[in-house]
């Protein structure tokens, strides 16, 4: 599922508003999302229990940004 999230995340432009909104949805700090969850240095460490939520949110965000 991480690969799917990475693919979707690559389509998000710009990243900052996305990370801010996702942080609200998953009740985490935006800095945690940016530096831990969406970081190559941390091997995309999205907690397993949050991966489906993150994937669904990201897919919806990408769809809405393109409309």
PDB file of N, CA and C in Angstrom:
ATOM      1  N   UNK A   1       0.818  -1.194   0.000  1.00  0.00           N
ATOM      2  CA  UNK A   1       0.000   0.000   0.000  1.00  0.00           C
ATOM      3  C   UNK A   1       0.867   1.266   0.000  1.00  0.00           C
ATOM      4  N   UNK A   2       2.065   1.177   0.573  1.00  0.00           N
ATOM      5  CA  UNK A   2       2.957   2.343   0.595  1.00  0.00           C
ATOM      6  C   UNK A   2       3.265   2.812  -0.825  1.00  0.00           C
ATOM      7  N   UNK A   3       3.450   1.871  -1.733  1.00  0.00           N
ATOM      8  CA  UNK A   3       3.754   2.243  -3.122  1.00  0.00           C
ATOM      9  C   UNK A   3       2.599   3.029  -3.739  1.00  0.00           C
ATOM     10  N   UNK A   4       1.375   2.625  -3.441  1.00  0.00           N
ATOM     11  CA  UNK A   4       0.207   3.345  -3.950  1.00  0.00           C
ATOM     12  C   UNK A   4       0.156   4.767  -3.380  1.00  0.00           C
ATOM     13  N   UNK A   5       0.447   4.885  -2.100  1.00  0.00           N
ATOM     14  CA  UNK A   5       0.444   6.203  -1.464  1.00  0.00           C
ATOM     15  C   UNK A   5       1.544   7.074  -2.071  1.00  0.00           C
ATOM     16  N   UNK A   6       2.716   6.504  -2.294  1.00  0.00           N
ATOM     17  CA  UNK A   6       3.807   7.260  -2.907  1.00  0.00           C
ATOM     18  C   UNK A   6       3.418   7.772  -4.287  1.00  0.00           C
ATOM     19  N   UNK A   7       2.787   6.913  -5.070  1.00  0.00           N
ATOM     20  CA  UNK A   7       2.351   7.314  -6.414  1.00  0.00           C
ATOM     21  C   UNK A   7       1.345   8.460  -6.345  1.00  0.00           C
ATOM     22  N   UNK A   8       0.373   8.329  -5.467  1.00  0.00           N
ATOM     23  CA  UNK A   8      -0.625   9.385  -5.308  1.00  0.00           C
ATOM     24  C   UNK A   8       0.015  10.679  -4.808  1.00  0.00           C
ATOM     25  N   UNK A   9       0.894  10.559  -3.814  1.00  0.00           N
ATOM     26  CA  UNK A   9       1.537  11.734  -3.217  1.00  0.00           C
ATOM     27  C   UNK A   9       2.364  12.495  -4.252  1.00  0.00           C
ATOM     28  N   UNK A  10       2.944  11.789  -5.190  1.00  0.00           N
ATOM     29  CA  UNK A  10       3.743  12.451  -6.230  1.00  0.00           C
ATOM     30  C   UNK A  10       2.883  13.372  -7.096  1.00  0.00           C
ATOM     31  N   UNK A  11       1.572  13.143  -7.100  1.00  0.00           N
ATOM     32  CA  UNK A  11       0.649  13.952  -7.907  1.00  0.00           C
ATOM     33  C   UNK A  11       0.093  15.149  -7.143  1.00  0.00           C
ATOM     34  N   UNK A  12       0.359  15.218  -5.845  1.00  0.00           N
ATOM     35  CA  UNK A  12      -0.148  16.314  -5.022  1.00  0.00           C
ATOM     36  C   UNK A  12       0.710  17.553  -5.258  1.00  0.00           C
ATOM     37  N   UNK A  13       0.049  18.640  -5.634  1.00  0.00           N
ATOM     38  CA  UNK A  13       0.724  19.916  -5.865  1.00  0.00           C
ATOM     39  C   UNK A  13      -0.179  21.032  -5.366  1.00  0.00           C
ATOM     40  N   UNK A  14       0.258  21.893  -4.504  1.00  0.00           N
ATOM     41  CA  UNK A  14       1.450  21.873  -3.667  1.00  0.00           C
ATOM     42  C   UNK A  14       1.264  20.959  -2.464  1.00  0.00           C
ATOM     43  N   UNK A  15       2.350  20.618  -1.841  1.00  0.00           N
ATOM     44  CA  UNK A  15       2.327  19.641  -0.747  1.00  0.00           C
ATOM     45  C   UNK A  15       1.843  20.224   0.589  1.00  0.00           C
ATOM     46  N   UNK A  16       2.215  21.467   0.896  1.00  0.00           N
ATOM     47  CA  UNK A  16       1.946  22.036   2.219  1.00  0.00           C
ATOM     48  C   UNK A  16       0.464  22.001   2.607  1.00  0.00           C
ATOM     49  N   UNK A  17      -0.466  22.484   1.768  1.00  0.00           N
ATOM     50  CA  UNK A  17      -1.888  22.420   2.156  1.00  0.00           C
ATOM     51  C   UNK A  17      -2.380  20.982   2.345  1.00  0.00           C
ATOM     52  N   UNK A  18      -1.870  20.088   1.536  1.00  0.00           N
ATOM     53  CA  UNK A  18      -2.242  18.677   1.665  1.00  0.00           C
ATOM     54  C   UNK A  18      -1.823  18.131   3.021  1.00  0.00           C
ATOM     55  N   UNK A  19      -0.572  18.372   3.395  1.00  0.00           N
ATOM     56  CA  UNK A  19      -0.065  17.861   4.677  1.00  0.00           C
ATOM     57  C   UNK A  19      -0.844  18.465   5.840  1.00  0.00           C
ATOM     58  N   UNK A  20      -1.180  19.730   5.754  1.00  0.00           N
ATOM     59  CA  UNK A  20      -1.963  20.389   6.809  1.00  0.00           C
ATOM     60  C   UNK A  20      -3.327  19.733   6.955  1.00  0.00           C
ATOM     61  N   UNK A  21      -3.998  19.474   5.848  1.00  0.00           N
ATOM     62  CA  UNK A  21      -5.325  18.845   5.895  1.00  0.00           C
ATOM     63  C   UNK A  21      -5.245  17.392   6.377  1.00  0.00           C
ATOM     64  N   UNK A  22      -4.276  16.652   5.890  1.00  0.00           N
ATOM     65  CA  UNK A  22      -4.116  15.263   6.324  1.00  0.00           C
ATOM     66  C   UNK A  22      -3.831  15.191   7.823  1.00  0.00           C
ATOM     67  N   UNK A  23      -3.030  16.097   8.323  1.00  0.00           N
ATOM     68  CA  UNK A  23      -2.706  16.118   9.753  1.00  0.00           C
ATOM     69  C   UNK A  23      -3.969  16.258  10.598  1.00  0.00           C
ATOM     70  N   UNK A  24      -4.906  17.073  10.138  1.00  0.00           N
ATOM     71  CA  UNK A  24      -6.181  17.226  10.847  1.00  0.00           C
ATOM     72  C   UNK A  24      -6.975  15.919  10.834  1.00  0.00           C
ATOM     73  N   UNK A  25      -6.990  15.259   9.693  1.00  0.00           N
ATOM     74  CA  UNK A  25      -7.767  14.024   9.543  1.00  0.00           C
ATOM     75  C   UNK A  25      -7.225  12.908  10.434  1.00  0.00           C
ATOM     76  N   UNK A  26      -5.914  12.783  10.515  1.00  0.00           N
ATOM     77  CA  UNK A  26      -5.309  11.686  11.277  1.00  0.00           C
ATOM     78  C   UNK A  26      -4.883  12.107  12.685  1.00  0.00           C
ATOM     79  N   UNK A  27      -5.173  13.354  13.050  1.00  0.00           N
ATOM     80  CA  UNK A  27      -4.883  13.877  14.383  1.00  0.00           C
ATOM     81  C   UNK A  27      -3.407  13.731  14.750  1.00  0.00           C
ATOM     82  N   UNK A  28      -2.573  14.201  13.839  1.00  0.00           N
ATOM     83  CA  UNK A  28      -1.124  14.227  14.052  1.00  0.00           C
ATOM     84  C   UNK A  28      -0.615  15.612  13.676  1.00  0.00           C
ATOM     85  N   UNK A  29       0.560  15.948  14.136  1.00  0.00           N
ATOM     86  CA  UNK A  29       1.175  17.225  13.775  1.00  0.00           C
ATOM     87  C   UNK A  29       1.637  17.187  12.318  1.00  0.00           C
ATOM     88  N   UNK A  30       1.481  18.307  11.596  1.00  0.00           N
ATOM     89  CA  UNK A  30       1.955  18.337  10.207  1.00  0.00           C
ATOM     90  C   UNK A  30       3.432  17.957  10.077  1.00  0.00           C
ATOM     91  N   UNK A  31       4.229  18.356  11.049  1.00  0.00           N
ATOM     92  CA  UNK A  31       5.652  18.023  10.995  1.00  0.00           C
ATOM     93  C   UNK A  31       5.882  16.516  11.069  1.00  0.00           C
ATOM     94  N   UNK A  32       5.060  15.817  11.834  1.00  0.00           N
ATOM     95  CA  UNK A  32       5.159  14.354  11.902  1.00  0.00           C
ATOM     96  C   UNK A  32       4.861  13.737  10.545  1.00  0.00           C
ATOM     97  N   UNK A  33       3.835  14.247   9.889  1.00  0.00           N
ATOM     98  CA  UNK A  33       3.463  13.738   8.562  1.00  0.00           C
ATOM     99  C   UNK A  33       4.613  13.953   7.580  1.00  0.00           C
ATOM    100  N   UNK A  34       5.126  15.169   7.552  1.00  0.00           N
ATOM    101  CA  UNK A  34       6.154  15.527   6.579  1.00  0.00           C
ATOM    102  C   UNK A  34       7.479  14.820   6.829  1.00  0.00           C
ATOM    103  N   UNK A  35       7.940  14.804   8.086  1.00  0.00           N
ATOM    104  CA  UNK A  35       9.294  14.304   8.344  1.00  0.00           C
ATOM    105  C   UNK A  35       9.369  12.814   8.647  1.00  0.00           C
ATOM    106  N   UNK A  36       8.245  12.216   9.028  1.00  0.00           N
ATOM    107  CA  UNK A  36       8.285  10.790   9.354  1.00  0.00           C
ATOM    108  C   UNK A  36       7.490   9.950   8.355  1.00  0.00           C
ATOM    109  N   UNK A  37       6.246  10.332   8.124  1.00  0.00           N
ATOM    110  CA  UNK A  37       5.383   9.504   7.281  1.00  0.00           C
ATOM    111  C   UNK A  37       5.743   9.607   5.804  1.00  0.00           C
ATOM    112  N   UNK A  38       6.045  10.823   5.322  1.00  0.00           N
ATOM    113  CA  UNK A  38       6.306  11.046   3.901  1.00  0.00           C
ATOM    114  C   UNK A  38       7.773  11.384   3.664  1.00  0.00           C
ATOM    115  N   UNK A  39       8.656  10.607   4.231  1.00  0.00           N
ATOM    116  CA  UNK A  39      10.080  10.889   4.131  1.00  0.00           C
ATOM    117  C   UNK A  39      10.835   9.650   3.660  1.00  0.00           C
ATOM    118  N   UNK A  40      11.629   9.834   2.625  1.00  0.00           N
ATOM    119  CA  UNK A  40      12.481   8.733   2.159  1.00  0.00           C
ATOM    120  C   UNK A  40      13.496   8.355   3.229  1.00  0.00           C
ATOM    121  N   UNK A  41      13.931   9.336   4.021  1.00  0.00           N
ATOM    122  CA  UNK A  41      14.908   9.065   5.075  1.00  0.00           C
ATOM    123  C   UNK A  41      14.345   8.108   6.126  1.00  0.00           C
ATOM    124  N   UNK A  42      13.035   8.138   6.322  1.00  0.00           N
ATOM    125  CA  UNK A  42      12.390   7.257   7.299  1.00  0.00           C
ATOM    126  C   UNK A  42      11.618   6.129   6.632  1.00  0.00           C
ATOM    127  N   UNK A  43      11.902   5.884   5.369  1.00  0.00           N
ATOM    128  CA  UNK A  43      11.317   4.767   4.629  1.00  0.00           C
ATOM    129  C   UNK A  43       9.791   4.803   4.607  1.00  0.00           C
ATOM    130  N   UNK A  44       9.235   6.013   4.494  1.00  0.00           N
ATOM    131  CA  UNK A  44       7.778   6.154   4.405  1.00  0.00           C
ATOM    132  C   UNK A  44       7.108   5.388   5.545  1.00  0.00           C
ATOM    133  N   UNK A  45       7.338   5.836   6.747  1.00  0.00           N
ATOM    134  CA  UNK A  45       6.903   5.154   7.966  1.00  0.00           C
ATOM    135  C   UNK A  45       5.470   5.503   8.369  1.00  0.00           C
ATOM    136  N   UNK A  46       4.544   5.276   7.472  1.00  0.00           N
ATOM    137  CA  UNK A  46       3.127   5.493   7.780  1.00  0.00           C
ATOM    138  C   UNK A  46       2.650   4.294   8.592  1.00  0.00           C
ATOM    139  N   UNK A  47       2.115   4.537   9.800  1.00  0.00           N
ATOM    140  CA  UNK A  47       1.654   3.403  10.614  1.00  0.00           C
ATOM    141  C   UNK A  47       0.643   2.550   9.850  1.00  0.00           C
ATOM    142  N   UNK A  48       0.751   1.255  10.023  1.00  0.00           N
ATOM    143  CA  UNK A  48      -0.122   0.315   9.319  1.00  0.00           C
ATOM    144  C   UNK A  48      -1.594   0.647   9.493  1.00  0.00           C
ATOM    145  N   UNK A  49      -1.987   0.989  10.706  1.00  0.00           N
ATOM    146  CA  UNK A  49      -3.401   1.254  10.969  1.00  0.00           C
ATOM    147  C   UNK A  49      -3.894   2.545  10.306  1.00  0.00           C
ATOM    148  N   UNK A  50      -2.975   3.372   9.817  1.00  0.00           N
ATOM    149  CA  UNK A  50      -3.356   4.628   9.161  1.00  0.00           C
ATOM    150  C   UNK A  50      -3.221   4.573   7.645  1.00  0.00           C
ATOM    151  N   UNK A  51      -2.636   3.523   7.110  1.00  0.00           N
ATOM    152  CA  UNK A  51      -2.343   3.494   5.679  1.00  0.00           C
ATOM    153  C   UNK A  51      -3.588   3.590   4.802  1.00  0.00           C
ATOM    154  N   UNK A  52      -4.651   2.894   5.140  1.00  0.00           N
ATOM    155  CA  UNK A  52      -5.861   2.969   4.324  1.00  0.00           C
ATOM    156  C   UNK A  52      -6.459   4.371   4.377  1.00  0.00           C
ATOM    157  N   UNK A  53      -6.489   4.966   5.551  1.00  0.00           N
ATOM    158  CA  UNK A  53      -7.002   6.328   5.697  1.00  0.00           C
ATOM    159  C   UNK A  53      -6.179   7.294   4.860  1.00  0.00           C
ATOM    160  N   UNK A  54      -4.869   7.173   4.942  1.00  0.00           N
ATOM    161  CA  UNK A  54      -3.972   8.060   4.187  1.00  0.00           C
ATOM    162  C   UNK A  54      -4.154   7.848   2.690  1.00  0.00           C
ATOM    163  N   UNK A  55      -4.233   6.600   2.264  1.00  0.00           N
ATOM    164  CA  UNK A  55      -4.413   6.312   0.831  1.00  0.00           C
ATOM    165  C   UNK A  55      -5.725   6.892   0.322  1.00  0.00           C
ATOM    166  N   UNK A  56      -6.811   6.660   1.046  1.00  0.00           N
ATOM    167  CA  UNK A  56      -8.117   7.166   0.622  1.00  0.00           C
ATOM    168  C   UNK A  56      -8.135   8.691   0.600  1.00  0.00           C
ATOM    169  N   UNK A  57      -7.592   9.317   1.636  1.00  0.00           N
ATOM    170  CA  UNK A  57      -7.556  10.779   1.692  1.00  0.00           C
ATOM    171  C   UNK A  57      -6.741  11.335   0.529  1.00  0.00           C
ATOM    172  N   UNK A  58      -5.582  10.731   0.275  1.00  0.00           N
ATOM    173  CA  UNK A  58      -4.711  11.214  -0.792  1.00  0.00           C
ATOM    174  C   UNK A  58      -5.368  11.044  -2.160  1.00  0.00           C
ATOM    175  N   UNK A  59      -6.013   9.926  -2.375  1.00  0.00           N
ATOM    176  CA  UNK A  59      -6.711   9.704  -3.653  1.00  0.00           C
ATOM    177  C   UNK A  59      -7.812  10.741  -3.854  1.00  0.00           C
ATOM    178  N   UNK A  60      -8.577  11.007  -2.820  1.00  0.00           N
ATOM    179  CA  UNK A  60      -9.628  12.033  -2.920  1.00  0.00           C
ATOM    180  C   UNK A  60      -9.048  13.416  -3.136  1.00  0.00           C
ATOM    181  N   UNK A  61      -7.969  13.708  -2.463  1.00  0.00           N
ATOM    182  CA  UNK A  61      -7.328  15.019  -2.603  1.00  0.00           C
ATOM    183  C   UNK A  61      -6.834  15.233  -4.038  1.00  0.00           C
ATOM    184  N   UNK A  62      -6.195  14.213  -4.591  1.00  0.00           N
ATOM    185  CA  UNK A  62      -5.683  14.305  -5.967  1.00  0.00           C
ATOM    186  C   UNK A  62      -6.843  14.487  -6.942  1.00  0.00           C
ATOM    187  N   UNK A  63      -7.908  13.727  -6.756  1.00  0.00           N
ATOM    188  CA  UNK A  63      -9.081  13.855  -7.634  1.00  0.00           C
ATOM    189  C   UNK A  63      -9.670  15.257  -7.558  1.00  0.00           C
ATOM    190  N   UNK A  64      -9.816  15.789  -6.351  1.00  0.00           N
ATOM    191  CA  UNK A  64     -10.391  17.122  -6.174  1.00  0.00           C
ATOM    192  C   UNK A  64      -9.497  18.235  -6.672  1.00  0.00           C
ATOM    193  N   UNK A  65      -8.183  18.070  -6.571  1.00  0.00           N
ATOM    194  CA  UNK A  65      -7.292  19.128  -7.036  1.00  0.00           C
ATOM    195  C   UNK A  65      -7.297  19.205  -8.556  1.00  0.00           C
ATOM    196  N   UNK A  66      -7.656  18.119  -9.215  1.00  0.00           N
ATOM    197  CA  UNK A  66      -7.683  18.096 -10.673  1.00  0.00           C
ATOM    198  C   UNK A  66      -9.013  18.552 -11.254  1.00  0.00           C
ATOM    199  N   UNK A  67      -9.968  18.852 -10.395  1.00  0.00           N
ATOM    200  CA  UNK A  67     -11.293  19.310 -10.871  1.00  0.00           C
ATOM    201  C   UNK A  67     -11.428  20.803 -10.777  1.00  0.00           C
TER     202      UNK A  67
END
